[in-house]
N, C-alpha and C. Protein backbone atom coordinates (compact mmCIF):
# COMPACT_ATOMS: atom_id res chain seq x y z
N MET A 1 -18.45 17.58 9.80
CA MET A 1 -18.46 16.47 8.85
C MET A 1 -17.56 16.82 7.67
N SER A 2 -16.58 15.98 7.39
CA SER A 2 -15.64 16.26 6.33
C SER A 2 -16.19 15.87 4.97
N ASP A 3 -15.90 16.70 3.96
CA ASP A 3 -16.28 16.38 2.60
C ASP A 3 -15.17 15.63 1.87
N LYS A 4 -13.95 15.73 2.39
CA LYS A 4 -12.83 15.04 1.76
C LYS A 4 -12.77 13.58 2.21
N THR A 5 -12.27 12.76 1.31
CA THR A 5 -12.28 11.32 1.57
C THR A 5 -10.92 10.69 1.29
N ILE A 6 -10.51 9.83 2.21
CA ILE A 6 -9.33 8.99 2.03
C ILE A 6 -9.80 7.55 1.88
N LEU A 7 -9.31 6.86 0.87
CA LEU A 7 -9.55 5.42 0.73
C LEU A 7 -8.29 4.68 1.13
N LEU A 8 -8.41 3.81 2.11
CA LEU A 8 -7.34 2.90 2.51
C LEU A 8 -7.75 1.48 2.18
N THR A 9 -6.83 0.70 1.64
CA THR A 9 -7.12 -0.71 1.40
C THR A 9 -6.06 -1.58 2.05
N GLY A 10 -6.49 -2.73 2.53
CA GLY A 10 -5.61 -3.76 3.03
C GLY A 10 -6.07 -5.09 2.48
N PHE A 11 -5.28 -6.12 2.70
CA PHE A 11 -5.58 -7.44 2.15
C PHE A 11 -6.04 -8.43 3.21
N GLU A 12 -6.80 -9.40 2.76
CA GLU A 12 -7.11 -10.55 3.58
C GLU A 12 -5.83 -11.38 3.77
N PRO A 13 -5.82 -12.28 4.77
CA PRO A 13 -4.64 -13.14 4.97
C PRO A 13 -4.38 -14.02 3.75
N PHE A 14 -3.12 -14.39 3.56
CA PHE A 14 -2.75 -15.27 2.45
C PHE A 14 -1.54 -16.10 2.87
N GLY A 15 -1.20 -17.07 2.05
CA GLY A 15 -0.01 -17.87 2.29
C GLY A 15 -0.04 -18.67 3.58
N GLY A 16 -1.23 -19.06 4.01
CA GLY A 16 -1.36 -19.86 5.21
C GLY A 16 -1.47 -19.07 6.50
N GLU A 17 -1.39 -17.75 6.43
CA GLU A 17 -1.51 -16.91 7.62
C GLU A 17 -2.98 -16.76 8.02
N THR A 18 -3.22 -16.45 9.28
CA THR A 18 -4.58 -16.20 9.77
C THR A 18 -4.86 -14.71 9.95
N VAL A 19 -3.83 -13.89 9.74
CA VAL A 19 -3.97 -12.45 9.90
C VAL A 19 -3.11 -11.77 8.85
N ASN A 20 -3.55 -10.60 8.41
CA ASN A 20 -2.74 -9.78 7.51
C ASN A 20 -2.64 -8.39 8.14
N PRO A 21 -1.43 -7.96 8.50
CA PRO A 21 -1.30 -6.67 9.18
C PRO A 21 -1.81 -5.50 8.37
N SER A 22 -1.79 -5.62 7.04
CA SER A 22 -2.27 -4.50 6.22
C SER A 22 -3.73 -4.20 6.51
N TRP A 23 -4.54 -5.23 6.68
CA TRP A 23 -5.95 -5.01 7.00
C TRP A 23 -6.13 -4.56 8.44
N GLU A 24 -5.37 -5.15 9.36
CA GLU A 24 -5.50 -4.77 10.77
C GLU A 24 -5.18 -3.30 10.97
N VAL A 25 -4.16 -2.81 10.31
CA VAL A 25 -3.77 -1.40 10.43
C VAL A 25 -4.81 -0.50 9.78
N VAL A 26 -5.25 -0.86 8.59
CA VAL A 26 -6.20 -0.04 7.85
C VAL A 26 -7.54 0.07 8.57
N ARG A 27 -8.04 -1.05 9.05
CA ARG A 27 -9.37 -1.00 9.66
C ARG A 27 -9.37 -0.25 10.99
N ALA A 28 -8.20 -0.14 11.63
CA ALA A 28 -8.10 0.62 12.87
C ALA A 28 -8.36 2.10 12.65
N LEU A 29 -8.16 2.58 11.43
CA LEU A 29 -8.38 4.00 11.12
C LEU A 29 -9.69 4.25 10.39
N ASP A 30 -10.47 3.22 10.15
CA ASP A 30 -11.75 3.39 9.45
C ASP A 30 -12.64 4.35 10.22
N GLY A 31 -13.11 5.38 9.55
CA GLY A 31 -13.97 6.38 10.17
C GLY A 31 -13.25 7.55 10.80
N ALA A 32 -11.93 7.46 10.94
CA ALA A 32 -11.16 8.56 11.52
C ALA A 32 -11.14 9.76 10.58
N VAL A 33 -10.96 10.94 11.14
CA VAL A 33 -10.77 12.16 10.35
C VAL A 33 -9.32 12.58 10.51
N ILE A 34 -8.59 12.64 9.41
CA ILE A 34 -7.17 12.97 9.41
C ILE A 34 -6.95 14.16 8.50
N ALA A 35 -6.42 15.23 9.05
CA ALA A 35 -6.16 16.46 8.29
C ALA A 35 -7.40 16.90 7.51
N GLY A 36 -8.55 16.74 8.14
CA GLY A 36 -9.79 17.19 7.54
C GLY A 36 -10.44 16.24 6.57
N ALA A 37 -9.91 15.02 6.44
CA ALA A 37 -10.46 14.04 5.49
C ALA A 37 -10.91 12.79 6.24
N ARG A 38 -12.04 12.25 5.83
CA ARG A 38 -12.61 11.05 6.44
C ARG A 38 -12.01 9.79 5.81
N VAL A 39 -11.59 8.87 6.67
CA VAL A 39 -10.98 7.62 6.21
C VAL A 39 -12.05 6.55 6.00
N HIS A 40 -11.96 5.87 4.86
CA HIS A 40 -12.80 4.71 4.57
C HIS A 40 -11.88 3.53 4.27
N ALA A 41 -12.05 2.45 5.00
CA ALA A 41 -11.21 1.26 4.83
C ALA A 41 -11.95 0.18 4.06
N ARG A 42 -11.23 -0.49 3.16
CA ARG A 42 -11.80 -1.59 2.40
C ARG A 42 -10.80 -2.76 2.40
N ARG A 43 -11.31 -3.97 2.60
CA ARG A 43 -10.47 -5.16 2.55
C ARG A 43 -10.55 -5.78 1.16
N LEU A 44 -9.39 -6.01 0.56
CA LEU A 44 -9.32 -6.59 -0.77
C LEU A 44 -8.99 -8.08 -0.68
N PRO A 45 -9.54 -8.88 -1.58
CA PRO A 45 -9.14 -10.29 -1.64
C PRO A 45 -7.73 -10.41 -2.19
N CYS A 46 -6.98 -11.37 -1.69
CA CYS A 46 -5.64 -11.61 -2.22
C CYS A 46 -5.77 -12.52 -3.44
N VAL A 47 -6.40 -11.96 -4.46
CA VAL A 47 -6.74 -12.70 -5.68
C VAL A 47 -6.53 -11.78 -6.88
N PHE A 48 -5.74 -12.23 -7.83
CA PHE A 48 -5.55 -11.46 -9.06
C PHE A 48 -6.91 -11.19 -9.72
N GLY A 49 -7.11 -10.02 -10.22
CA GLY A 49 -8.35 -9.67 -10.90
C GLY A 49 -9.44 -9.25 -9.93
N ALA A 50 -9.81 -10.12 -9.01
CA ALA A 50 -10.87 -9.80 -8.05
C ALA A 50 -10.49 -8.62 -7.17
N ALA A 51 -9.21 -8.51 -6.83
CA ALA A 51 -8.77 -7.39 -6.01
C ALA A 51 -8.99 -6.06 -6.73
N LEU A 52 -8.73 -6.04 -8.04
CA LEU A 52 -8.93 -4.81 -8.80
C LEU A 52 -10.40 -4.48 -8.98
N SER A 53 -11.23 -5.50 -9.10
CA SER A 53 -12.68 -5.25 -9.20
C SER A 53 -13.20 -4.61 -7.93
N GLU A 54 -12.76 -5.12 -6.78
CA GLU A 54 -13.18 -4.56 -5.50
C GLU A 54 -12.64 -3.14 -5.32
N LEU A 55 -11.41 -2.93 -5.73
CA LEU A 55 -10.82 -1.60 -5.66
C LEU A 55 -11.59 -0.61 -6.52
N GLN A 56 -11.94 -1.00 -7.74
CA GLN A 56 -12.68 -0.10 -8.63
C GLN A 56 -14.04 0.26 -8.06
N ARG A 57 -14.71 -0.70 -7.41
CA ARG A 57 -16.00 -0.40 -6.77
C ARG A 57 -15.82 0.66 -5.69
N ALA A 58 -14.76 0.55 -4.92
CA ALA A 58 -14.52 1.54 -3.85
C ALA A 58 -14.21 2.91 -4.43
N LEU A 59 -13.42 2.95 -5.50
CA LEU A 59 -13.10 4.23 -6.14
C LEU A 59 -14.36 4.89 -6.69
N ASP A 60 -15.22 4.10 -7.32
CA ASP A 60 -16.45 4.64 -7.89
C ASP A 60 -17.39 5.14 -6.80
N GLU A 61 -17.44 4.41 -5.70
CA GLU A 61 -18.34 4.77 -4.60
C GLU A 61 -17.88 6.01 -3.85
N LEU A 62 -16.60 6.06 -3.51
CA LEU A 62 -16.11 7.08 -2.59
C LEU A 62 -15.55 8.32 -3.27
N LYS A 63 -15.06 8.18 -4.50
CA LYS A 63 -14.43 9.30 -5.21
C LYS A 63 -13.44 10.04 -4.30
N PRO A 64 -12.43 9.33 -3.83
CA PRO A 64 -11.52 9.89 -2.82
C PRO A 64 -10.55 10.92 -3.36
N GLU A 65 -10.04 11.74 -2.45
CA GLU A 65 -8.97 12.70 -2.78
C GLU A 65 -7.59 12.05 -2.64
N LEU A 66 -7.52 11.00 -1.81
CA LEU A 66 -6.26 10.33 -1.54
C LEU A 66 -6.53 8.83 -1.41
N VAL A 67 -5.67 8.02 -2.03
CA VAL A 67 -5.80 6.57 -1.94
C VAL A 67 -4.44 6.00 -1.56
N LEU A 68 -4.42 5.18 -0.52
CA LEU A 68 -3.21 4.47 -0.14
C LEU A 68 -3.57 3.01 0.07
N ALA A 69 -2.97 2.15 -0.73
CA ALA A 69 -3.15 0.71 -0.58
C ALA A 69 -2.00 0.16 0.25
N LEU A 70 -2.29 -0.77 1.14
CA LEU A 70 -1.28 -1.36 1.99
C LEU A 70 -1.18 -2.86 1.75
N GLY A 71 0.01 -3.39 1.96
CA GLY A 71 0.23 -4.82 1.84
C GLY A 71 1.31 -5.30 2.79
N GLN A 72 1.26 -6.57 3.10
CA GLN A 72 2.25 -7.20 3.98
C GLN A 72 3.51 -7.56 3.21
N ALA A 73 4.67 -7.28 3.82
CA ALA A 73 5.94 -7.65 3.20
C ALA A 73 6.82 -8.32 4.25
N GLY A 74 6.77 -9.64 4.31
CA GLY A 74 7.60 -10.38 5.24
C GLY A 74 9.07 -10.12 4.98
N GLY A 75 9.83 -9.84 6.02
CA GLY A 75 11.26 -9.57 5.87
C GLY A 75 11.60 -8.10 5.90
N ARG A 76 10.63 -7.23 5.63
CA ARG A 76 10.92 -5.80 5.70
C ARG A 76 10.80 -5.32 7.14
N SER A 77 11.59 -4.32 7.47
CA SER A 77 11.65 -3.84 8.86
C SER A 77 11.14 -2.42 9.02
N GLU A 78 10.60 -1.83 7.95
CA GLU A 78 10.17 -0.44 8.00
C GLU A 78 8.90 -0.25 7.18
N LEU A 79 8.30 0.91 7.33
CA LEU A 79 7.17 1.30 6.50
C LEU A 79 7.74 1.69 5.15
N SER A 80 7.41 0.93 4.11
CA SER A 80 8.03 1.10 2.79
C SER A 80 7.07 1.79 1.84
N LEU A 81 7.39 3.01 1.46
CA LEU A 81 6.60 3.74 0.46
C LEU A 81 7.11 3.35 -0.91
N GLU A 82 6.24 2.74 -1.71
CA GLU A 82 6.65 2.23 -3.02
C GLU A 82 6.72 3.36 -4.05
N ARG A 83 7.76 3.30 -4.88
CA ARG A 83 7.94 4.31 -5.91
C ARG A 83 7.24 3.96 -7.22
N VAL A 84 7.29 2.67 -7.63
CA VAL A 84 6.87 2.31 -8.98
C VAL A 84 6.13 0.98 -9.01
N ALA A 85 5.09 0.91 -9.82
CA ALA A 85 4.35 -0.33 -10.08
C ALA A 85 4.63 -0.75 -11.52
N ILE A 86 4.85 -2.05 -11.72
CA ILE A 86 5.15 -2.54 -13.07
C ILE A 86 4.02 -3.40 -13.61
N ASN A 87 3.93 -3.42 -14.94
CA ASN A 87 2.80 -4.09 -15.59
C ASN A 87 3.09 -5.58 -15.81
N VAL A 88 3.27 -6.29 -14.70
CA VAL A 88 3.50 -7.73 -14.81
C VAL A 88 3.01 -8.45 -13.56
N ASP A 89 2.33 -9.57 -13.78
CA ASP A 89 1.98 -10.51 -12.73
C ASP A 89 2.86 -11.74 -12.92
N ASP A 90 3.66 -12.06 -11.91
CA ASP A 90 4.57 -13.21 -12.00
C ASP A 90 4.63 -13.81 -10.60
N ALA A 91 3.73 -14.75 -10.33
CA ALA A 91 3.49 -15.21 -8.96
C ALA A 91 4.39 -16.38 -8.56
N ARG A 92 5.11 -16.20 -7.47
CA ARG A 92 5.94 -17.27 -6.93
C ARG A 92 5.09 -18.31 -6.21
N ILE A 93 3.96 -17.84 -5.63
CA ILE A 93 2.99 -18.73 -4.99
C ILE A 93 1.62 -18.44 -5.57
N ALA A 94 0.68 -19.33 -5.35
CA ALA A 94 -0.69 -19.13 -5.83
C ALA A 94 -1.41 -18.09 -4.97
N ASP A 95 -2.34 -17.36 -5.59
CA ASP A 95 -3.18 -16.46 -4.81
C ASP A 95 -4.24 -17.27 -4.06
N ASN A 96 -5.15 -16.59 -3.39
CA ASN A 96 -6.14 -17.30 -2.57
C ASN A 96 -7.21 -18.02 -3.38
N ALA A 97 -7.21 -17.83 -4.68
CA ALA A 97 -8.12 -18.57 -5.56
C ALA A 97 -7.39 -19.67 -6.32
N GLY A 98 -6.10 -19.83 -6.02
CA GLY A 98 -5.31 -20.87 -6.67
C GLY A 98 -4.65 -20.46 -7.96
N ALA A 99 -4.80 -19.19 -8.36
CA ALA A 99 -4.19 -18.72 -9.60
C ALA A 99 -2.71 -18.39 -9.38
N ARG A 100 -1.91 -18.68 -10.39
CA ARG A 100 -0.48 -18.38 -10.33
C ARG A 100 -0.01 -17.91 -11.70
N PRO A 101 -0.38 -16.68 -12.08
CA PRO A 101 0.01 -16.17 -13.40
C PRO A 101 1.52 -16.02 -13.52
N ILE A 102 2.02 -16.25 -14.71
CA ILE A 102 3.44 -16.11 -15.00
C ILE A 102 3.62 -15.17 -16.19
N ASP A 103 4.36 -14.11 -16.00
CA ASP A 103 4.66 -13.15 -17.06
C ASP A 103 3.40 -12.64 -17.77
N ALA A 104 2.35 -12.39 -16.98
CA ALA A 104 1.10 -11.86 -17.54
C ALA A 104 1.03 -10.36 -17.26
N ALA A 105 0.39 -9.62 -18.15
CA ALA A 105 0.22 -8.18 -17.95
C ALA A 105 -0.91 -7.93 -16.94
N VAL A 106 -0.70 -6.95 -16.07
CA VAL A 106 -1.80 -6.51 -15.21
C VAL A 106 -2.90 -5.91 -16.07
N VAL A 107 -2.50 -5.03 -16.98
CA VAL A 107 -3.40 -4.39 -17.94
C VAL A 107 -2.82 -4.61 -19.33
N PRO A 108 -3.37 -5.52 -20.13
CA PRO A 108 -2.83 -5.73 -21.48
C PRO A 108 -2.78 -4.43 -22.27
N GLY A 109 -1.63 -4.15 -22.84
CA GLY A 109 -1.47 -2.92 -23.62
C GLY A 109 -1.19 -1.69 -22.81
N GLY A 110 -1.14 -1.82 -21.48
CA GLY A 110 -0.88 -0.67 -20.63
C GLY A 110 0.60 -0.31 -20.61
N PRO A 111 0.94 0.85 -20.05
CA PRO A 111 2.35 1.25 -19.96
C PRO A 111 3.16 0.23 -19.16
N ALA A 112 4.46 0.23 -19.36
CA ALA A 112 5.32 -0.70 -18.63
C ALA A 112 5.27 -0.45 -17.13
N ALA A 113 5.06 0.80 -16.74
CA ALA A 113 5.08 1.12 -15.31
C ALA A 113 4.33 2.42 -15.04
N TYR A 114 3.94 2.59 -13.79
CA TYR A 114 3.40 3.84 -13.29
C TYR A 114 4.15 4.21 -12.02
N PHE A 115 4.39 5.51 -11.83
CA PHE A 115 4.97 5.98 -10.59
C PHE A 115 3.86 6.40 -9.62
N THR A 116 4.15 6.31 -8.33
CA THR A 116 3.23 6.83 -7.34
C THR A 116 3.04 8.33 -7.55
N THR A 117 1.92 8.84 -7.13
CA THR A 117 1.69 10.29 -7.15
C THR A 117 1.71 10.86 -5.74
N LEU A 118 2.15 10.08 -4.79
CA LEU A 118 2.31 10.55 -3.42
C LEU A 118 3.68 11.22 -3.24
N PRO A 119 3.79 12.16 -2.31
CA PRO A 119 5.09 12.78 -2.01
C PRO A 119 5.90 11.87 -1.08
N ILE A 120 6.37 10.76 -1.64
CA ILE A 120 6.90 9.69 -0.80
C ILE A 120 8.18 10.08 -0.04
N LYS A 121 9.02 10.91 -0.63
CA LYS A 121 10.24 11.29 0.08
C LYS A 121 9.94 12.20 1.27
N ALA A 122 9.00 13.10 1.10
CA ALA A 122 8.58 13.95 2.22
C ALA A 122 7.90 13.10 3.29
N MET A 123 7.14 12.11 2.87
CA MET A 123 6.48 11.23 3.83
C MET A 123 7.51 10.44 4.63
N VAL A 124 8.50 9.90 3.94
CA VAL A 124 9.56 9.14 4.63
C VAL A 124 10.31 10.05 5.59
N ALA A 125 10.66 11.25 5.15
CA ALA A 125 11.39 12.18 6.02
C ALA A 125 10.59 12.52 7.27
N GLY A 126 9.30 12.76 7.09
CA GLY A 126 8.45 13.08 8.23
C GLY A 126 8.28 11.91 9.18
N LEU A 127 8.15 10.72 8.63
CA LEU A 127 8.03 9.53 9.47
C LEU A 127 9.31 9.30 10.27
N ARG A 128 10.44 9.41 9.61
CA ARG A 128 11.72 9.21 10.31
C ARG A 128 11.92 10.26 11.40
N ALA A 129 11.56 11.49 11.12
CA ALA A 129 11.72 12.56 12.11
C ALA A 129 10.88 12.30 13.36
N ALA A 130 9.77 11.60 13.18
CA ALA A 130 8.89 11.28 14.31
C ALA A 130 9.25 9.95 14.96
N GLY A 131 10.32 9.31 14.48
CA GLY A 131 10.78 8.07 15.10
C GLY A 131 10.22 6.80 14.52
N HIS A 132 9.62 6.88 13.34
CA HIS A 132 9.07 5.69 12.69
C HIS A 132 10.05 5.19 11.62
N PRO A 133 10.49 3.94 11.69
CA PRO A 133 11.34 3.40 10.62
C PRO A 133 10.59 3.45 9.29
N ALA A 134 11.18 4.08 8.28
CA ALA A 134 10.50 4.25 7.00
C ALA A 134 11.54 4.40 5.90
N GLY A 135 11.14 4.08 4.67
CA GLY A 135 12.03 4.22 3.55
C GLY A 135 11.30 4.16 2.23
N VAL A 136 11.98 4.60 1.17
CA VAL A 136 11.46 4.48 -0.19
C VAL A 136 11.85 3.11 -0.72
N SER A 137 10.90 2.40 -1.29
CA SER A 137 11.15 1.09 -1.89
C SER A 137 11.07 1.22 -3.40
N GLN A 138 11.96 0.50 -4.09
CA GLN A 138 12.00 0.55 -5.55
C GLN A 138 11.22 -0.59 -6.21
N THR A 139 10.67 -1.50 -5.42
CA THR A 139 9.91 -2.60 -6.02
C THR A 139 8.78 -3.05 -5.10
N ALA A 140 7.61 -3.20 -5.69
CA ALA A 140 6.46 -3.71 -4.97
C ALA A 140 6.25 -5.20 -5.25
N GLY A 141 7.28 -5.84 -5.86
CA GLY A 141 7.17 -7.25 -6.18
C GLY A 141 6.38 -7.49 -7.45
N THR A 142 5.93 -8.73 -7.62
CA THR A 142 5.13 -9.09 -8.81
C THR A 142 3.92 -9.94 -8.43
N PHE A 143 3.53 -9.84 -7.14
CA PHE A 143 2.37 -10.60 -6.66
C PHE A 143 1.16 -9.66 -6.61
N VAL A 144 0.19 -9.94 -5.78
CA VAL A 144 -1.06 -9.19 -5.80
C VAL A 144 -0.87 -7.75 -5.32
N CYS A 145 0.15 -7.49 -4.49
CA CYS A 145 0.40 -6.11 -4.07
C CYS A 145 0.73 -5.22 -5.26
N ASN A 146 1.69 -5.63 -6.07
CA ASN A 146 2.02 -4.86 -7.27
C ASN A 146 0.83 -4.80 -8.23
N HIS A 147 0.10 -5.89 -8.33
CA HIS A 147 -1.10 -5.96 -9.17
C HIS A 147 -2.07 -4.83 -8.80
N VAL A 148 -2.32 -4.68 -7.50
CA VAL A 148 -3.23 -3.64 -7.02
C VAL A 148 -2.63 -2.25 -7.21
N PHE A 149 -1.35 -2.11 -6.91
CA PHE A 149 -0.68 -0.82 -7.08
C PHE A 149 -0.75 -0.36 -8.54
N TYR A 150 -0.42 -1.24 -9.46
CA TYR A 150 -0.48 -0.87 -10.88
C TYR A 150 -1.93 -0.57 -11.29
N GLY A 151 -2.85 -1.43 -10.87
CA GLY A 151 -4.25 -1.22 -11.23
C GLY A 151 -4.80 0.08 -10.68
N LEU A 152 -4.37 0.45 -9.48
CA LEU A 152 -4.79 1.71 -8.88
C LEU A 152 -4.30 2.90 -9.69
N GLN A 153 -3.01 2.89 -10.01
CA GLN A 153 -2.45 4.02 -10.77
C GLN A 153 -3.07 4.09 -12.17
N HIS A 154 -3.35 2.94 -12.76
CA HIS A 154 -3.98 2.92 -14.08
C HIS A 154 -5.40 3.49 -14.01
N ALA A 155 -6.13 3.12 -12.97
CA ALA A 155 -7.51 3.59 -12.82
C ALA A 155 -7.57 5.10 -12.63
N LEU A 156 -6.53 5.67 -12.02
CA LEU A 156 -6.53 7.10 -11.72
C LEU A 156 -5.64 7.91 -12.67
N ARG A 157 -5.25 7.30 -13.78
CA ARG A 157 -4.29 7.95 -14.69
C ARG A 157 -4.80 9.25 -15.27
N GLU A 158 -6.11 9.43 -15.37
CA GLU A 158 -6.67 10.66 -15.91
C GLU A 158 -7.27 11.53 -14.81
N ARG A 159 -6.90 11.26 -13.58
CA ARG A 159 -7.38 12.06 -12.44
C ARG A 159 -6.17 12.53 -11.63
N PRO A 160 -5.38 13.45 -12.17
CA PRO A 160 -4.13 13.88 -11.52
C PRO A 160 -4.33 14.55 -10.17
N ALA A 161 -5.54 15.01 -9.89
CA ALA A 161 -5.77 15.66 -8.60
C ALA A 161 -5.84 14.66 -7.46
N VAL A 162 -6.02 13.38 -7.79
CA VAL A 162 -6.10 12.33 -6.76
C VAL A 162 -4.70 11.76 -6.54
N ARG A 163 -4.20 11.88 -5.34
CA ARG A 163 -2.89 11.29 -5.01
C ARG A 163 -3.08 9.84 -4.60
N SER A 164 -2.16 8.99 -5.06
CA SER A 164 -2.35 7.57 -4.78
C SER A 164 -1.02 6.84 -4.79
N GLY A 165 -1.00 5.71 -4.09
CA GLY A 165 0.20 4.90 -4.05
C GLY A 165 0.05 3.71 -3.15
N PHE A 166 1.19 3.11 -2.80
CA PHE A 166 1.20 1.83 -2.08
C PHE A 166 2.26 1.86 -0.98
N MET A 167 1.90 1.26 0.15
CA MET A 167 2.84 1.13 1.26
C MET A 167 2.91 -0.34 1.69
N HIS A 168 4.11 -0.88 1.75
CA HIS A 168 4.31 -2.21 2.34
C HIS A 168 4.67 -2.03 3.82
N ILE A 169 4.15 -2.94 4.64
CA ILE A 169 4.43 -2.87 6.08
C ILE A 169 4.97 -4.22 6.55
N PRO A 170 5.71 -4.22 7.67
CA PRO A 170 6.29 -5.47 8.17
C PRO A 170 5.24 -6.43 8.74
N LEU A 171 5.71 -7.62 9.06
CA LEU A 171 4.89 -8.59 9.78
C LEU A 171 4.60 -8.08 11.18
N LEU A 172 3.54 -8.60 11.77
CA LEU A 172 3.28 -8.39 13.19
C LEU A 172 4.21 -9.30 14.00
N PRO A 173 4.54 -8.94 15.24
CA PRO A 173 5.42 -9.78 16.05
C PRO A 173 4.93 -11.21 16.19
N GLU A 174 3.62 -11.40 16.32
CA GLU A 174 3.10 -12.76 16.48
C GLU A 174 3.27 -13.59 15.21
N GLN A 175 3.31 -12.94 14.06
CA GLN A 175 3.59 -13.66 12.82
C GLN A 175 5.07 -14.05 12.76
N ALA A 176 5.92 -13.08 13.03
CA ALA A 176 7.36 -13.31 12.95
C ALA A 176 7.82 -14.39 13.92
N ALA A 177 7.18 -14.46 15.09
CA ALA A 177 7.59 -15.42 16.11
C ALA A 177 7.40 -16.86 15.67
N ARG A 178 6.52 -17.07 14.70
CA ARG A 178 6.25 -18.44 14.23
C ARG A 178 7.18 -18.86 13.09
N LEU A 179 8.02 -17.96 12.62
CA LEU A 179 8.86 -18.24 11.46
C LEU A 179 10.31 -18.48 11.86
N PRO A 180 11.03 -19.29 11.11
CA PRO A 180 12.44 -19.55 11.42
C PRO A 180 13.26 -18.26 11.42
N GLY A 181 14.07 -18.11 12.44
CA GLY A 181 14.92 -16.94 12.51
C GLY A 181 14.24 -15.68 12.99
N ALA A 182 12.93 -15.75 13.27
CA ALA A 182 12.17 -14.59 13.76
C ALA A 182 12.49 -13.33 12.96
N PRO A 183 11.98 -13.23 11.72
CA PRO A 183 12.28 -12.07 10.87
C PRO A 183 11.76 -10.77 11.47
N ALA A 184 12.12 -9.68 10.82
CA ALA A 184 11.73 -8.35 11.30
C ALA A 184 10.23 -8.22 11.44
N SER A 185 9.81 -7.43 12.40
CA SER A 185 8.38 -7.20 12.63
C SER A 185 8.20 -5.81 13.22
N MET A 186 6.94 -5.41 13.35
CA MET A 186 6.61 -4.12 13.96
C MET A 186 5.27 -4.26 14.65
N GLY A 187 5.13 -3.65 15.80
CA GLY A 187 3.89 -3.72 16.56
C GLY A 187 2.73 -3.03 15.86
N LEU A 188 1.53 -3.52 16.11
CA LEU A 188 0.34 -2.99 15.45
C LEU A 188 0.15 -1.50 15.75
N GLN A 189 0.26 -1.10 17.01
CA GLN A 189 0.01 0.30 17.36
C GLN A 189 1.02 1.22 16.71
N ALA A 190 2.27 0.78 16.63
CA ALA A 190 3.29 1.60 15.98
C ALA A 190 2.98 1.79 14.51
N MET A 191 2.47 0.74 13.85
CA MET A 191 2.13 0.86 12.43
C MET A 191 0.90 1.74 12.23
N ILE A 192 -0.06 1.66 13.14
CA ILE A 192 -1.24 2.52 13.05
C ILE A 192 -0.83 3.99 13.17
N GLU A 193 0.02 4.28 14.15
CA GLU A 193 0.47 5.66 14.34
C GLU A 193 1.28 6.14 13.14
N GLY A 194 2.11 5.25 12.59
CA GLY A 194 2.88 5.62 11.41
C GLY A 194 2.00 5.90 10.21
N LEU A 195 0.97 5.08 10.02
CA LEU A 195 0.05 5.30 8.91
C LEU A 195 -0.70 6.61 9.05
N ARG A 196 -1.14 6.90 10.26
CA ARG A 196 -1.85 8.17 10.49
C ARG A 196 -0.97 9.36 10.11
N LEU A 197 0.29 9.31 10.53
CA LEU A 197 1.20 10.40 10.19
C LEU A 197 1.47 10.44 8.69
N ALA A 198 1.65 9.28 8.07
CA ALA A 198 1.91 9.23 6.63
C ALA A 198 0.77 9.88 5.85
N LEU A 199 -0.46 9.64 6.26
CA LEU A 199 -1.62 10.22 5.59
C LEU A 199 -1.65 11.74 5.79
N THR A 200 -1.34 12.18 7.00
CA THR A 200 -1.30 13.61 7.28
C THR A 200 -0.27 14.30 6.37
N LEU A 201 0.91 13.69 6.28
CA LEU A 201 1.96 14.25 5.43
C LEU A 201 1.54 14.26 3.96
N ALA A 202 0.89 13.19 3.52
CA ALA A 202 0.45 13.12 2.12
C ALA A 202 -0.54 14.22 1.79
N LEU A 203 -1.43 14.53 2.72
CA LEU A 203 -2.45 15.54 2.48
C LEU A 203 -1.90 16.96 2.60
N GLN A 204 -0.90 17.15 3.43
CA GLN A 204 -0.43 18.51 3.72
C GLN A 204 0.82 18.91 2.94
N THR A 205 1.40 17.98 2.18
CA THR A 205 2.62 18.28 1.43
C THR A 205 2.27 18.59 -0.02
N GLU A 206 2.57 19.79 -0.47
CA GLU A 206 2.25 20.18 -1.85
C GLU A 206 3.27 19.63 -2.83
N ALA A 207 4.54 19.78 -2.53
CA ALA A 207 5.61 19.33 -3.43
C ALA A 207 6.55 18.40 -2.68
N ASP A 208 6.96 17.33 -3.32
CA ASP A 208 7.83 16.37 -2.68
C ASP A 208 9.23 16.95 -2.49
N LEU A 209 9.97 16.37 -1.54
CA LEU A 209 11.35 16.77 -1.32
C LEU A 209 12.23 16.29 -2.47
N ARG A 210 13.24 17.07 -2.77
CA ARG A 210 14.22 16.65 -3.77
C ARG A 210 15.47 16.20 -3.02
N GLN A 211 15.49 14.94 -2.65
CA GLN A 211 16.63 14.36 -1.96
C GLN A 211 16.72 12.89 -2.34
N SER A 212 17.88 12.31 -2.08
CA SER A 212 18.09 10.93 -2.51
C SER A 212 17.16 9.97 -1.77
N GLY A 213 16.57 9.08 -2.55
CA GLY A 213 15.78 7.99 -1.99
C GLY A 213 16.11 6.70 -2.72
N GLY A 214 17.23 6.71 -3.41
CA GLY A 214 17.61 5.56 -4.22
C GLY A 214 18.27 4.46 -3.41
N SER A 215 18.62 3.38 -4.12
CA SER A 215 19.27 2.25 -3.47
C SER A 215 20.34 1.69 -4.40
N LEU A 216 21.23 0.87 -3.84
CA LEU A 216 22.31 0.28 -4.60
C LEU A 216 22.01 -1.16 -5.02
N ASP A 217 20.85 -1.69 -4.61
CA ASP A 217 20.50 -3.06 -4.98
C ASP A 217 19.03 -3.16 -5.39
């Protein structure tokens, strides 16, 4: 029985979808033991404010050593490890409760941004070496995904021993098939295997790689 705990979060469907791959991937690993740590999965509402309340309850309950929040990113073709969360909610569409904040702070008076505390470059390198499309992303957007990412880093700001961050994942093939132009997608099993490896790398990597992970756009 492992004493170490991993908290994984995914979202409920939003934007008219009936499925959200972030939750499907996360719940597939619920109860698994990875690198000596037990995985606990939690589904968050795609709702500003309520998502952070649910996240805080999970943090208080589980007191995890590692936290990785996942979200769906239509149009992306790889497992995207996010570098930075910004202190702004600016919604292009309404959340599942009908809220559409514009230029609002995630945490009033909080820092402009927080960086992930995960070894994201080492994780990307390990994923790519194993054949999983992966990359470092410079933006988590300004919708509920970034809201949760910023709220997570803020909640753990005084707990440096806890590594935490956010990963965006592509659409499932069945989602992409319903959209014009059939955007990029990735199979469920491939994403589950990629997540398992990403968690292993996060737990076993002491210092991140010093190599380029930047972008030109």
